[in-house]
PDB file of N, CA and C in Angstrom:
ATOM      1  N   UNK A   1      16.747  -3.278   1.557  1.00  0.00           N
ATOM      2  CA  UNK A   1      15.738  -2.696   2.440  1.00  0.00           C
ATOM      3  C   UNK A   1      14.575  -2.169   1.612  1.00  0.00           C
ATOM      4  N   UNK A   2      13.380  -2.317   2.150  1.00  0.00           N
ATOM      5  CA  UNK A   2      12.162  -1.977   1.426  1.00  0.00           C
ATOM      6  C   UNK A   2      12.111  -0.517   1.008  1.00  0.00           C
ATOM      7  N   UNK A   3      12.307   0.402   1.947  1.00  0.00           N
ATOM      8  CA  UNK A   3      12.166   1.818   1.619  1.00  0.00           C
ATOM      9  C   UNK A   3      13.168   2.252   0.555  1.00  0.00           C
ATOM     10  N   UNK A   4      14.380   1.751   0.635  1.00  0.00           N
ATOM     11  CA  UNK A   4      15.388   2.124  -0.362  1.00  0.00           C
ATOM     12  C   UNK A   4      14.950   1.734  -1.768  1.00  0.00           C
ATOM     13  N   UNK A   5      14.197   0.641  -1.876  1.00  0.00           N
ATOM     14  CA  UNK A   5      13.722   0.188  -3.182  1.00  0.00           C
ATOM     15  C   UNK A   5      12.508   0.998  -3.646  1.00  0.00           C
ATOM     16  N   UNK A   6      11.498   1.147  -2.786  1.00  0.00           N
ATOM     17  CA  UNK A   6      10.256   1.777  -3.252  1.00  0.00           C
ATOM     18  C   UNK A   6      10.346   3.298  -3.363  1.00  0.00           C
ATOM     19  N   UNK A   7      11.266   3.917  -2.650  1.00  0.00           N
ATOM     20  CA  UNK A   7      11.413   5.378  -2.719  1.00  0.00           C
ATOM     21  C   UNK A   7      11.856   5.812  -4.119  1.00  0.00           C
ATOM     22  N   UNK A   8      12.456   4.910  -4.883  1.00  0.00           N
ATOM     23  CA  UNK A   8      12.926   5.251  -6.228  1.00  0.00           C
ATOM     24  C   UNK A   8      11.835   5.109  -7.289  1.00  0.00           C
ATOM     25  N   UNK A   9      10.642   4.692  -6.891  1.00  0.00           N
ATOM     26  CA  UNK A   9       9.546   4.482  -7.849  1.00  0.00           C
ATOM     27  C   UNK A   9       9.178   5.781  -8.561  1.00  0.00           C
ATOM     28  N   UNK A  10       8.767   5.658  -9.822  1.00  0.00           N
ATOM     29  CA  UNK A  10       8.273   6.830 -10.549  1.00  0.00           C
ATOM     30  C   UNK A  10       6.749   6.827 -10.660  1.00  0.00           C
ATOM     31  N   UNK A  11       6.110   5.723 -10.267  1.00  0.00           N
ATOM     32  CA  UNK A  11       4.651   5.685 -10.222  1.00  0.00           C
ATOM     33  C   UNK A  11       4.202   4.557  -9.293  1.00  0.00           C
ATOM     34  N   UNK A  12       2.961   4.682  -8.832  1.00  0.00           N
ATOM     35  CA  UNK A  12       2.353   3.669  -7.973  1.00  0.00           C
ATOM     36  C   UNK A  12       0.931   3.446  -8.463  1.00  0.00           C
ATOM     37  N   UNK A  13       0.578   2.194  -8.684  1.00  0.00           N
ATOM     38  CA  UNK A  13      -0.810   1.839  -8.991  1.00  0.00           C
ATOM     39  C   UNK A  13      -1.419   1.302  -7.696  1.00  0.00           C
ATOM     40  N   UNK A  14      -2.588   1.824  -7.340  1.00  0.00           N
ATOM     41  CA  UNK A  14      -3.259   1.393  -6.112  1.00  0.00           C
ATOM     42  C   UNK A  14      -4.618   0.819  -6.483  1.00  0.00           C
ATOM     43  N   UNK A  15      -4.837  -0.426  -6.090  1.00  0.00           N
ATOM     44  CA  UNK A  15      -6.144  -1.067  -6.260  1.00  0.00           C
ATOM     45  C   UNK A  15      -6.853  -1.034  -4.916  1.00  0.00           C
ATOM     46  N   UNK A  16      -8.052  -0.501  -4.884  1.00  0.00           N
ATOM     47  CA  UNK A  16      -8.865  -0.521  -3.676  1.00  0.00           C
ATOM     48  C   UNK A  16      -9.942  -1.583  -3.864  1.00  0.00           C
ATOM     49  N   UNK A  17     -10.028  -2.535  -2.909  1.00  0.00           N
ATOM     50  CA  UNK A  17     -11.012  -3.600  -2.965  1.00  0.00           C
ATOM     51  C   UNK A  17     -12.290  -3.127  -2.270  1.00  0.00           C
ATOM     52  N   UNK A  18     -13.259  -4.026  -2.126  1.00  0.00           N
ATOM     53  CA  UNK A  18     -14.541  -3.677  -1.513  1.00  0.00           C
ATOM     54  C   UNK A  18     -14.397  -3.069  -0.128  1.00  0.00           C
ATOM     55  N   UNK A  19     -13.369  -3.485   0.615  1.00  0.00           N
ATOM     56  CA  UNK A  19     -13.161  -2.921   1.948  1.00  0.00           C
ATOM     57  C   UNK A  19     -13.620  -3.831   3.059  1.00  0.00           C
ATOM     58  N   UNK A  20     -13.967  -5.085   2.710  1.00  0.00           N
ATOM     59  CA  UNK A  20     -14.408  -6.020   3.741  1.00  0.00           C
ATOM     60  C   UNK A  20     -13.373  -7.114   3.999  1.00  0.00           C
ATOM     61  N   UNK A  21     -12.145  -6.912   3.495  1.00  0.00           N
ATOM     62  CA  UNK A  21     -11.080  -7.878   3.728  1.00  0.00           C
ATOM     63  C   UNK A  21     -10.890  -8.879   2.604  1.00  0.00           C
ATOM     64  N   UNK A  22     -11.840  -8.928   1.644  1.00  0.00           N
ATOM     65  CA  UNK A  22     -11.700  -9.865   0.533  1.00  0.00           C
ATOM     66  C   UNK A  22     -11.029  -9.181  -0.651  1.00  0.00           C
ATOM     67  N   UNK A  23     -10.309  -9.979  -1.437  1.00  0.00           N
ATOM     68  CA  UNK A  23      -9.553  -9.440  -2.564  1.00  0.00           C
ATOM     69  C   UNK A  23     -10.274  -9.649  -3.897  1.00  0.00           C
ATOM     70  N   UNK A  24     -11.544 -10.043  -3.881  1.00  0.00           N
ATOM     71  CA  UNK A  24     -12.179 -10.469  -5.118  1.00  0.00           C
ATOM     72  C   UNK A  24     -12.693  -9.345  -6.016  1.00  0.00           C
ATOM     73  N   UNK A  25     -12.867  -8.145  -5.502  1.00  0.00           N
ATOM     74  CA  UNK A  25     -13.441  -7.073  -6.314  1.00  0.00           C
ATOM     75  C   UNK A  25     -12.642  -5.787  -6.177  1.00  0.00           C
ATOM     76  N   UNK A  26     -12.053  -5.335  -7.288  1.00  0.00           N
ATOM     77  CA  UNK A  26     -11.389  -4.032  -7.308  1.00  0.00           C
ATOM     78  C   UNK A  26     -12.461  -2.997  -7.651  1.00  0.00           C
ATOM     79  N   UNK A  27     -12.647  -2.009  -6.767  1.00  0.00           N
ATOM     80  CA  UNK A  27     -13.691  -1.013  -6.988  1.00  0.00           C
ATOM     81  C   UNK A  27     -13.135   0.335  -7.440  1.00  0.00           C
ATOM     82  N   UNK A  28     -11.878   0.616  -7.109  1.00  0.00           N
ATOM     83  CA  UNK A  28     -11.241   1.878  -7.499  1.00  0.00           C
ATOM     84  C   UNK A  28      -9.776   1.588  -7.807  1.00  0.00           C
ATOM     85  N   UNK A  29      -9.267   2.191  -8.888  1.00  0.00           N
ATOM     86  CA  UNK A  29      -7.847   2.108  -9.212  1.00  0.00           C
ATOM     87  C   UNK A  29      -7.317   3.526  -9.340  1.00  0.00           C
ATOM     88  N   UNK A  30      -6.201   3.809  -8.699  1.00  0.00           N
ATOM     89  CA  UNK A  30      -5.562   5.125  -8.789  1.00  0.00           C
ATOM     90  C   UNK A  30      -4.117   4.936  -9.223  1.00  0.00           C
ATOM     91  N   UNK A  31      -3.655   5.840 -10.065  1.00  0.00           N
ATOM     92  CA  UNK A  31      -2.266   5.859 -10.495  1.00  0.00           C
ATOM     93  C   UNK A  31      -1.635   7.127  -9.941  1.00  0.00           C
ATOM     94  N   UNK A  32      -0.565   6.970  -9.195  1.00  0.00           N
ATOM     95  CA  UNK A  32       0.121   8.100  -8.567  1.00  0.00           C
ATOM     96  C   UNK A  32       1.446   8.316  -9.288  1.00  0.00           C
ATOM     97  N   UNK A  33       1.669   9.551  -9.725  1.00  0.00           N
ATOM     98  CA  UNK A  33       2.952   9.894 -10.339  1.00  0.00           C
ATOM     99  C   UNK A  33       3.648  11.040  -9.604  1.00  0.00           C
ATOM    100  N   UNK A  34       2.950  11.627  -8.651  1.00  0.00           N
ATOM    101  CA  UNK A  34       3.484  12.736  -7.873  1.00  0.00           C
ATOM    102  C   UNK A  34       4.541  12.221  -6.889  1.00  0.00           C
ATOM    103  N   UNK A  35       5.776  12.711  -7.019  1.00  0.00           N
ATOM    104  CA  UNK A  35       6.894  12.213  -6.203  1.00  0.00           C
ATOM    105  C   UNK A  35       6.657  12.440  -4.710  1.00  0.00           C
ATOM    106  N   UNK A  36       6.034  13.541  -4.347  1.00  0.00           N
ATOM    107  CA  UNK A  36       5.768  13.821  -2.929  1.00  0.00           C
ATOM    108  C   UNK A  36       4.823  12.765  -2.341  1.00  0.00           C
ATOM    109  N   UNK A  37       3.795  12.399  -3.093  1.00  0.00           N
ATOM    110  CA  UNK A  37       2.847  11.386  -2.621  1.00  0.00           C
ATOM    111  C   UNK A  37       3.518  10.016  -2.560  1.00  0.00           C
ATOM    112  N   UNK A  38       4.349   9.697  -3.548  1.00  0.00           N
ATOM    113  CA  UNK A  38       5.082   8.428  -3.542  1.00  0.00           C
ATOM    114  C   UNK A  38       6.001   8.353  -2.321  1.00  0.00           C
ATOM    115  N   UNK A  39       6.670   9.454  -2.017  1.00  0.00           N
ATOM    116  CA  UNK A  39       7.542   9.506  -0.843  1.00  0.00           C
ATOM    117  C   UNK A  39       6.730   9.329   0.436  1.00  0.00           C
ATOM    118  N   UNK A  40       5.581   9.981   0.532  1.00  0.00           N
ATOM    119  CA  UNK A  40       4.721   9.838   1.723  1.00  0.00           C
ATOM    120  C   UNK A  40       4.281   8.391   1.901  1.00  0.00           C
ATOM    121  N   UNK A  41       3.898   7.740   0.799  1.00  0.00           N
ATOM    122  CA  UNK A  41       3.488   6.333   0.871  1.00  0.00           C
ATOM    123  C   UNK A  41       4.650   5.446   1.311  1.00  0.00           C
ATOM    124  N   UNK A  42       5.823   5.647   0.717  1.00  0.00           N
ATOM    125  CA  UNK A  42       6.963   4.783   1.064  1.00  0.00           C
ATOM    126  C   UNK A  42       7.389   4.999   2.515  1.00  0.00           C
ATOM    127  N   UNK A  43       7.317   6.218   3.004  1.00  0.00           N
ATOM    128  CA  UNK A  43       7.645   6.477   4.413  1.00  0.00           C
ATOM    129  C   UNK A  43       6.641   5.796   5.336  1.00  0.00           C
ATOM    130  N   UNK A  44       5.356   5.858   4.987  1.00  0.00           N
ATOM    131  CA  UNK A  44       4.310   5.245   5.818  1.00  0.00           C
ATOM    132  C   UNK A  44       4.467   3.729   5.857  1.00  0.00           C
ATOM    133  N   UNK A  45       4.785   3.143   4.716  1.00  0.00           N
ATOM    134  CA  UNK A  45       4.895   1.692   4.629  1.00  0.00           C
ATOM    135  C   UNK A  45       6.083   1.163   5.425  1.00  0.00           C
ATOM    136  N   UNK A  46       7.156   1.898   5.452  1.00  0.00           N
ATOM    137  CA  UNK A  46       8.355   1.396   6.115  1.00  0.00           C
ATOM    138  C   UNK A  46       8.500   1.888   7.552  1.00  0.00           C
ATOM    139  N   UNK A  47       7.450   2.452   8.130  1.00  0.00           N
ATOM    140  CA  UNK A  47       7.533   3.072   9.454  1.00  0.00           C
ATOM    141  C   UNK A  47       7.890   2.091  10.573  1.00  0.00           C
ATOM    142  N   UNK A  48       7.019   1.145  10.901  1.00  0.00           N
ATOM    143  CA  UNK A  48       7.343   0.244  12.012  1.00  0.00           C
ATOM    144  C   UNK A  48       6.901  -1.182  11.678  1.00  0.00           C
ATOM    145  N   UNK A  49       7.831  -2.101  11.837  1.00  0.00           N
ATOM    146  CA  UNK A  49       7.571  -3.491  11.482  1.00  0.00           C
ATOM    147  C   UNK A  49       6.744  -4.183  12.554  1.00  0.00           C
ATOM    148  N   UNK A  50       6.039  -5.219  12.139  1.00  0.00           N
ATOM    149  CA  UNK A  50       5.231  -6.025  13.049  1.00  0.00           C
ATOM    150  C   UNK A  50       5.136  -7.422  12.472  1.00  0.00           C
ATOM    151  N   UNK A  51       4.494  -8.313  13.183  1.00  0.00           N
ATOM    152  CA  UNK A  51       4.311  -9.681  12.691  1.00  0.00           C
ATOM    153  C   UNK A  51       3.045  -9.718  11.832  1.00  0.00           C
ATOM    154  N   UNK A  52       3.102 -10.298  10.633  1.00  0.00           N
ATOM    155  CA  UNK A  52       1.912 -10.340   9.778  1.00  0.00           C
ATOM    156  C   UNK A  52       0.839 -11.245  10.368  1.00  0.00           C
ATOM    157  N   UNK A  53      -0.409 -10.832  10.241  1.00  0.00           N
ATOM    158  CA  UNK A  53      -1.553 -11.632  10.669  1.00  0.00           C
ATOM    159  C   UNK A  53      -2.313 -12.040   9.416  1.00  0.00           C
ATOM    160  N   UNK A  54      -2.195 -13.295   9.035  1.00  0.00           N
ATOM    161  CA  UNK A  54      -2.769 -13.773   7.781  1.00  0.00           C
ATOM    162  C   UNK A  54      -4.290 -13.845   7.802  1.00  0.00           C
ATOM    163  N   UNK A  55      -4.910 -13.745   8.976  1.00  0.00           N
ATOM    164  CA  UNK A  55      -6.365 -13.811   9.064  1.00  0.00           C
ATOM    165  C   UNK A  55      -7.035 -12.472   8.757  1.00  0.00           C
ATOM    166  N   UNK A  56      -6.265 -11.406   8.611  1.00  0.00           N
ATOM    167  CA  UNK A  56      -6.831 -10.066   8.490  1.00  0.00           C
ATOM    168  C   UNK A  56      -7.494  -9.788   7.135  1.00  0.00           C
ATOM    169  N   UNK A  57      -7.004 -10.361   6.075  1.00  0.00           N
ATOM    170  CA  UNK A  57      -7.529 -10.044   4.756  1.00  0.00           C
ATOM    171  C   UNK A  57      -6.910  -8.756   4.232  1.00  0.00           C
ATOM    172  N   UNK A  58      -7.489  -8.235   3.142  1.00  0.00           N
ATOM    173  CA  UNK A  58      -6.903  -7.076   2.472  1.00  0.00           C
ATOM    174  C   UNK A  58      -7.984  -6.117   1.988  1.00  0.00           C
ATOM    175  N   UNK A  59      -7.658  -4.820   2.011  1.00  0.00           N
ATOM    176  CA  UNK A  59      -8.552  -3.790   1.482  1.00  0.00           C
ATOM    177  C   UNK A  59      -8.003  -3.192   0.198  1.00  0.00           C
ATOM    178  N   UNK A  60      -6.775  -3.564  -0.166  1.00  0.00           N
ATOM    179  CA  UNK A  60      -6.203  -3.019  -1.394  1.00  0.00           C
ATOM    180  C   UNK A  60      -4.781  -3.479  -1.594  1.00  0.00           C
ATOM    181  N   UNK A  61      -4.225  -3.042  -2.726  1.00  0.00           N
ATOM    182  CA  UNK A  61      -2.842  -3.380  -3.042  1.00  0.00           C
ATOM    183  C   UNK A  61      -2.154  -2.197  -3.700  1.00  0.00           C
ATOM    184  N   UNK A  62      -0.876  -2.076  -3.426  1.00  0.00           N
ATOM    185  CA  UNK A  62      -0.039  -1.031  -4.013  1.00  0.00           C
ATOM    186  C   UNK A  62       1.011  -1.718  -4.878  1.00  0.00           C
ATOM    187  N   UNK A  63       1.271  -1.124  -6.029  1.00  0.00           N
ATOM    188  CA  UNK A  63       2.260  -1.674  -6.949  1.00  0.00           C
ATOM    189  C   UNK A  63       3.199  -0.546  -7.342  1.00  0.00           C
ATOM    190  N   UNK A  64       4.424  -0.595  -6.825  1.00  0.00           N
ATOM    191  CA  UNK A  64       5.424   0.443  -7.085  1.00  0.00           C
ATOM    192  C   UNK A  64       6.178   0.113  -8.371  1.00  0.00           C
ATOM    193  N   UNK A  65       6.251   1.084  -9.281  1.00  0.00           N
ATOM    194  CA  UNK A  65       6.895   0.901 -10.580  1.00  0.00           C
ATOM    195  C   UNK A  65       8.045   1.881 -10.774  1.00  0.00           C
ATOM    196  N   UNK A  66       9.022   1.458 -11.554  1.00  0.00           N
ATOM    197  CA  UNK A  66      10.075   2.340 -12.053  1.00  0.00           C
ATOM    198  C   UNK A  66      10.375   1.891 -13.480  1.00  0.00           C
ATOM    199  N   UNK A  67      10.298   2.834 -14.411  1.00  0.00           N
ATOM    200  CA  UNK A  67      10.515   2.541 -15.825  1.00  0.00           C
ATOM    201  C   UNK A  67       9.645   1.373 -16.302  1.00  0.00           C
ATOM    202  N   UNK A  68       8.378   1.388 -15.900  1.00  0.00           N
ATOM    203  CA  UNK A  68       7.382   0.383 -16.289  1.00  0.00           C
ATOM    204  C   UNK A  68       7.694  -1.028 -15.795  1.00  0.00           C
ATOM    205  N   UNK A  69       8.546  -1.148 -14.795  1.00  0.00           N
ATOM    206  CA  UNK A  69       8.835  -2.450 -14.197  1.00  0.00           C
ATOM    207  C   UNK A  69       8.432  -2.413 -12.717  1.00  0.00           C
ATOM    208  N   UNK A  70       7.822  -3.492 -12.249  1.00  0.00           N
ATOM    209  CA  UNK A  70       7.382  -3.548 -10.856  1.00  0.00           C
ATOM    210  C   UNK A  70       8.581  -3.650  -9.925  1.00  0.00           C
ATOM    211  N   UNK A  71       8.651  -2.720  -8.973  1.00  0.00           N
ATOM    212  CA  UNK A  71       9.681  -2.767  -7.933  1.00  0.00           C
ATOM    213  C   UNK A  71       9.211  -3.592  -6.742  1.00  0.00           C
ATOM    214  N   UNK A  72       7.930  -3.403  -6.374  1.00  0.00           N
ATOM    215  CA  UNK A  72       7.416  -4.065  -5.168  1.00  0.00           C
ATOM    216  C   UNK A  72       5.895  -4.065  -5.207  1.00  0.00           C
ATOM    217  N   UNK A  73       5.302  -5.177  -4.819  1.00  0.00           N
ATOM    218  CA  UNK A  73       3.857  -5.282  -4.610  1.00  0.00           C
ATOM    219  C   UNK A  73       3.617  -5.330  -3.107  1.00  0.00           C
ATOM    220  N   UNK A  74       2.640  -4.547  -2.648  1.00  0.00           N
ATOM    221  CA  UNK A  74       2.347  -4.466  -1.217  1.00  0.00           C
ATOM    222  C   UNK A  74       0.833  -4.495  -1.042  1.00  0.00           C
ATOM    223  N   UNK A  75       0.340  -5.357  -0.167  1.00  0.00           N
ATOM    224  CA  UNK A  75      -1.091  -5.407   0.145  1.00  0.00           C
ATOM    225  C   UNK A  75      -1.330  -4.629   1.430  1.00  0.00           C
ATOM    226  N   UNK A  76      -2.576  -4.170   1.597  1.00  0.00           N
ATOM    227  CA  UNK A  76      -2.868  -3.450   2.838  1.00  0.00           C
ATOM    228  C   UNK A  76      -4.268  -3.745   3.341  1.00  0.00           C
ATOM    229  N   UNK A  77      -4.411  -3.597   4.656  1.00  0.00           N
ATOM    230  CA  UNK A  77      -5.696  -3.701   5.344  1.00  0.00           C
ATOM    231  C   UNK A  77      -5.819  -2.468   6.204  1.00  0.00           C
ATOM    232  N   UNK A  78      -6.905  -1.689   6.003  1.00  0.00           N
ATOM    233  CA  UNK A  78      -7.047  -0.451   6.772  1.00  0.00           C
ATOM    234  C   UNK A  78      -8.437  -0.256   7.350  1.00  0.00           C
ATOM    235  N   UNK A  79      -9.405  -1.107   7.012  1.00  0.00           N
ATOM    236  CA  UNK A  79     -10.788  -0.901   7.441  1.00  0.00           C
ATOM    237  C   UNK A  79     -11.175  -1.741   8.650  1.00  0.00           C
ATOM    238  N   UNK A  80     -10.206  -2.236   9.378  1.00  0.00           N
ATOM    239  CA  UNK A  80     -10.454  -3.023  10.582  1.00  0.00           C
ATOM    240  C   UNK A  80      -9.466  -2.530  11.640  1.00  0.00           C
ATOM    241  N   UNK A  81      -9.979  -1.955  12.696  1.00  0.00           N
ATOM    242  CA  UNK A  81      -9.110  -1.333  13.715  1.00  0.00           C
ATOM    243  C   UNK A  81      -8.104  -2.313  14.319  1.00  0.00           C
ATOM    244  N   UNK A  82      -8.426  -3.607  14.353  1.00  0.00           N
ATOM    245  CA  UNK A  82      -7.517  -4.587  14.939  1.00  0.00           C
ATOM    246  C   UNK A  82      -6.544  -5.171  13.912  1.00  0.00           C
ATOM    247  N   UNK A  83      -6.744  -4.843  12.649  1.00  0.00           N
ATOM    248  CA  UNK A  83      -5.896  -5.375  11.568  1.00  0.00           C
ATOM    249  C   UNK A  83      -5.528  -4.248  10.618  1.00  0.00           C
ATOM    250  N   UNK A  84      -4.560  -3.451  10.982  1.00  0.00           N
ATOM    251  CA  UNK A  84      -4.143  -2.347  10.103  1.00  0.00           C
ATOM    252  C   UNK A  84      -2.681  -2.566   9.737  1.00  0.00           C
ATOM    253  N   UNK A  85      -2.480  -3.223   8.580  1.00  0.00           N
ATOM    254  CA  UNK A  85      -1.143  -3.633   8.173  1.00  0.00           C
ATOM    255  C   UNK A  85      -0.890  -3.367   6.698  1.00  0.00           C
ATOM    256  N   UNK A  86       0.390  -3.203   6.378  1.00  0.00           N
ATOM    257  CA  UNK A  86       0.901  -3.361   5.026  1.00  0.00           C
ATOM    258  C   UNK A  86       1.613  -4.712   5.045  1.00  0.00           C
ATOM    259  N   UNK A  87       1.406  -5.562   4.052  1.00  0.00           N
ATOM    260  CA  UNK A  87       2.129  -6.830   3.982  1.00  0.00           C
ATOM    261  C   UNK A  87       2.796  -6.954   2.621  1.00  0.00           C
ATOM    262  N   UNK A  88       3.967  -7.592   2.616  1.00  0.00           N
ATOM    263  CA  UNK A  88       4.746  -7.701   1.388  1.00  0.00           C
ATOM    264  C   UNK A  88       5.758  -8.829   1.531  1.00  0.00           C
ATOM    265  N   UNK A  89       6.242  -9.290   0.395  1.00  0.00           N
ATOM    266  CA  UNK A  89       7.296 -10.309   0.381  1.00  0.00           C
ATOM    267  C   UNK A  89       8.646  -9.606   0.289  1.00  0.00           C
ATOM    268  N   UNK A  90       9.569 -10.046   1.116  1.00  0.00           N
ATOM    269  CA  UNK A  90      10.931  -9.529   1.081  1.00  0.00           C
ATOM    270  C   UNK A  90      11.861 -10.726   1.277  1.00  0.00           C
ATOM    271  N   UNK A  91      12.728 -10.950   0.311  1.00  0.00           N
ATOM    272  CA  UNK A  91      13.638 -12.101   0.316  1.00  0.00           C
ATOM    273  C   UNK A  91      12.861 -13.403   0.494  1.00  0.00           C
ATOM    274  N   UNK A  92      11.693 -13.484  -0.163  1.00  0.00           N
ATOM    275  CA  UNK A  92      10.883 -14.695  -0.127  1.00  0.00           C
ATOM    276  C   UNK A  92      10.077 -14.902   1.139  1.00  0.00           C
ATOM    277  N   UNK A  93      10.127 -13.947   2.050  1.00  0.00           N
ATOM    278  CA  UNK A  93       9.448 -14.071   3.336  1.00  0.00           C
ATOM    279  C   UNK A  93       8.375 -13.001   3.472  1.00  0.00           C
ATOM    280  N   UNK A  94       7.206 -13.383   4.018  1.00  0.00           N
ATOM    281  CA  UNK A  94       6.131 -12.419   4.230  1.00  0.00           C
ATOM    282  C   UNK A  94       6.477 -11.520   5.410  1.00  0.00           C
ATOM    283  N   UNK A  95       6.436 -10.218   5.174  1.00  0.00           N
ATOM    284  CA  UNK A  95       6.730  -9.215   6.199  1.00  0.00           C
ATOM    285  C   UNK A  95       5.516  -8.304   6.353  1.00  0.00           C
ATOM    286  N   UNK A  96       5.480  -7.563   7.441  1.00  0.00           N
ATOM    287  CA  UNK A  96       4.390  -6.613   7.669  1.00  0.00           C
ATOM    288  C   UNK A  96       4.891  -5.385   8.403  1.00  0.00           C
ATOM    289  N   UNK A  97       4.222  -4.272   8.128  1.00  0.00           N
ATOM    290  CA  UNK A  97       4.448  -3.051   8.886  1.00  0.00           C
ATOM    291  C   UNK A  97       3.085  -2.512   9.310  1.00  0.00           C
ATOM    292  N   UNK A  98       3.093  -1.706  10.335  1.00  0.00           N
ATOM    293  CA  UNK A  98       1.857  -1.132  10.862  1.00  0.00           C
ATOM    294  C   UNK A  98       1.338  -0.063   9.904  1.00  0.00           C
ATOM    295  N   UNK A  99       0.051  -0.117   9.602  1.00  0.00           N
ATOM    296  CA  UNK A  99      -0.603   0.918   8.806  1.00  0.00           C
ATOM    297  C   UNK A  99      -1.157   1.944   9.800  1.00  0.00           C
ATOM    298  N   UNK A 100      -0.485   3.070   9.911  1.00  0.00           N
ATOM    299  CA  UNK A 100      -0.831   4.098  10.899  1.00  0.00           C
ATOM    300  C   UNK A 100      -2.108   4.839  10.500  1.00  0.00           C
ATOM    301  N   UNK A 101      -2.635   5.609  11.452  1.00  0.00           N
ATOM    302  CA  UNK A 101      -3.808   6.442  11.145  1.00  0.00           C
ATOM    303  C   UNK A 101      -3.474   7.440  10.040  1.00  0.00           C
ATOM    304  N   UNK A 102      -2.251   7.964  10.062  1.00  0.00           N
ATOM    305  CA  UNK A 102      -1.817   8.905   9.034  1.00  0.00           C
ATOM    306  C   UNK A 102      -1.784   8.227   7.655  1.00  0.00           C
ATOM    307  N   UNK A 103      -1.274   6.999   7.608  1.00  0.00           N
ATOM    308  CA  UNK A 103      -1.245   6.253   6.344  1.00  0.00           C
ATOM    309  C   UNK A 103      -2.658   5.951   5.858  1.00  0.00           C
ATOM    310  N   UNK A 104      -3.538   5.632   6.783  1.00  0.00           N
ATOM    311  CA  UNK A 104      -4.934   5.368   6.432  1.00  0.00           C
ATOM    312  C   UNK A 104      -5.588   6.609   5.830  1.00  0.00           C
ATOM    313  N   UNK A 105      -5.336   7.776   6.436  1.00  0.00           N
ATOM    314  CA  UNK A 105      -5.882   9.039   5.895  1.00  0.00           C
ATOM    315  C   UNK A 105      -5.328   9.319   4.506  1.00  0.00           C
ATOM    316  N   UNK A 106      -4.037   9.077   4.309  1.00  0.00           N
ATOM    317  CA  UNK A 106      -3.419   9.295   3.004  1.00  0.00           C
ATOM    318  C   UNK A 106      -4.076   8.396   1.948  1.00  0.00           C
ATOM    319  N   UNK A 107      -4.256   7.125   2.265  1.00  0.00           N
ATOM    320  CA  UNK A 107      -4.902   6.205   1.318  1.00  0.00           C
ATOM    321  C   UNK A 107      -6.345   6.617   1.034  1.00  0.00           C
ATOM    322  N   UNK A 108      -7.070   7.037   2.079  1.00  0.00           N
ATOM    323  CA  UNK A 108      -8.459   7.495   1.877  1.00  0.00           C
ATOM    324  C   UNK A 108      -8.508   8.741   1.000  1.00  0.00           C
ATOM    325  N   UNK A 109      -7.555   9.666   1.215  1.00  0.00           N
ATOM    326  CA  UNK A 109      -7.496  10.876   0.388  1.00  0.00           C
ATOM    327  C   UNK A 109      -7.233  10.521  -1.073  1.00  0.00           C
ATOM    328  N   UNK A 110      -6.322   9.602  -1.301  1.00  0.00           N
ATOM    329  CA  UNK A 110      -6.020   9.180  -2.669  1.00  0.00           C
ATOM    330  C   UNK A 110      -7.249   8.517  -3.288  1.00  0.00           C
ATOM    331  N   UNK A 111      -7.919   7.670  -2.522  1.00  0.00           N
ATOM    332  CA  UNK A 111      -9.092   6.952  -3.032  1.00  0.00           C
ATOM    333  C   UNK A 111     -10.214   7.904  -3.423  1.00  0.00           C
ATOM    334  N   UNK A 112     -10.440   8.916  -2.607  1.00  0.00           N
ATOM    335  CA  UNK A 112     -11.568   9.827  -2.853  1.00  0.00           C
ATOM    336  C   UNK A 112     -11.252  10.908  -3.877  1.00  0.00           C
ATOM    337  N   UNK A 113      -9.982  11.085  -4.220  1.00  0.00           N
ATOM    338  CA  UNK A 113      -9.579  12.100  -5.187  1.00  0.00           C
ATOM    339  C   UNK A 113      -9.856  11.593  -6.597  1.00  0.00           C
ATOM    340  N   UNK A 114     -10.695  12.303  -7.350  1.00  0.00           N
ATOM    341  CA  UNK A 114     -11.060  11.883  -8.700  1.00  0.00           C
ATOM    342  C   UNK A 114      -9.966  12.183  -9.709  1.00  0.00           C
ATOM    343  N   UNK A 115      -9.008  13.027  -9.346  1.00  0.00           N
ATOM    344  CA  UNK A 115      -7.946  13.403 -10.263  1.00  0.00           C
ATOM    345  C   UNK A 115      -6.770  12.470 -10.053  1.00  0.00           C
ATOM    346  N   UNK A 116      -6.249  11.925 -11.134  1.00  0.00           N
ATOM    347  CA  UNK A 116      -5.051  11.095 -11.012  1.00  0.00           C
ATOM    348  C   UNK A 116      -3.879  11.980 -10.659  1.00  0.00           C
ATOM    349  N   UNK A 117      -3.085  11.576  -9.702  1.00  0.00           N
ATOM    350  CA  UNK A 117      -1.960  12.385  -9.254  1.00  0.00           C
ATOM    351  C   UNK A 117      -0.734  12.075 -10.060  1.00  0.00           C
TER     352      UNK A 117
END
């Protein structure tokens, strides 16, 4: 299960793209080491499953690490009200969960915070 894997992470690298759905330009990178923030992110990501919409594009990516090894890569779209998803591969299959307003606020707070957590 996704949450059981990512909740054990000791850090998360977050790439924020331009925000228009394209993945070609990383404009902000944040590294999270605060366990409370990692837990909040993992809870938000695993909240409610949905069917992935491949036409939505991406506004960023999350990379969960433990002991310098990647546990899970997760892409997200949050700047389009009709396409607010986390997407990830699980057992070789593309899965998606709903990116809630609360998750969107958390990501925006992390993005705007100049201090690495």
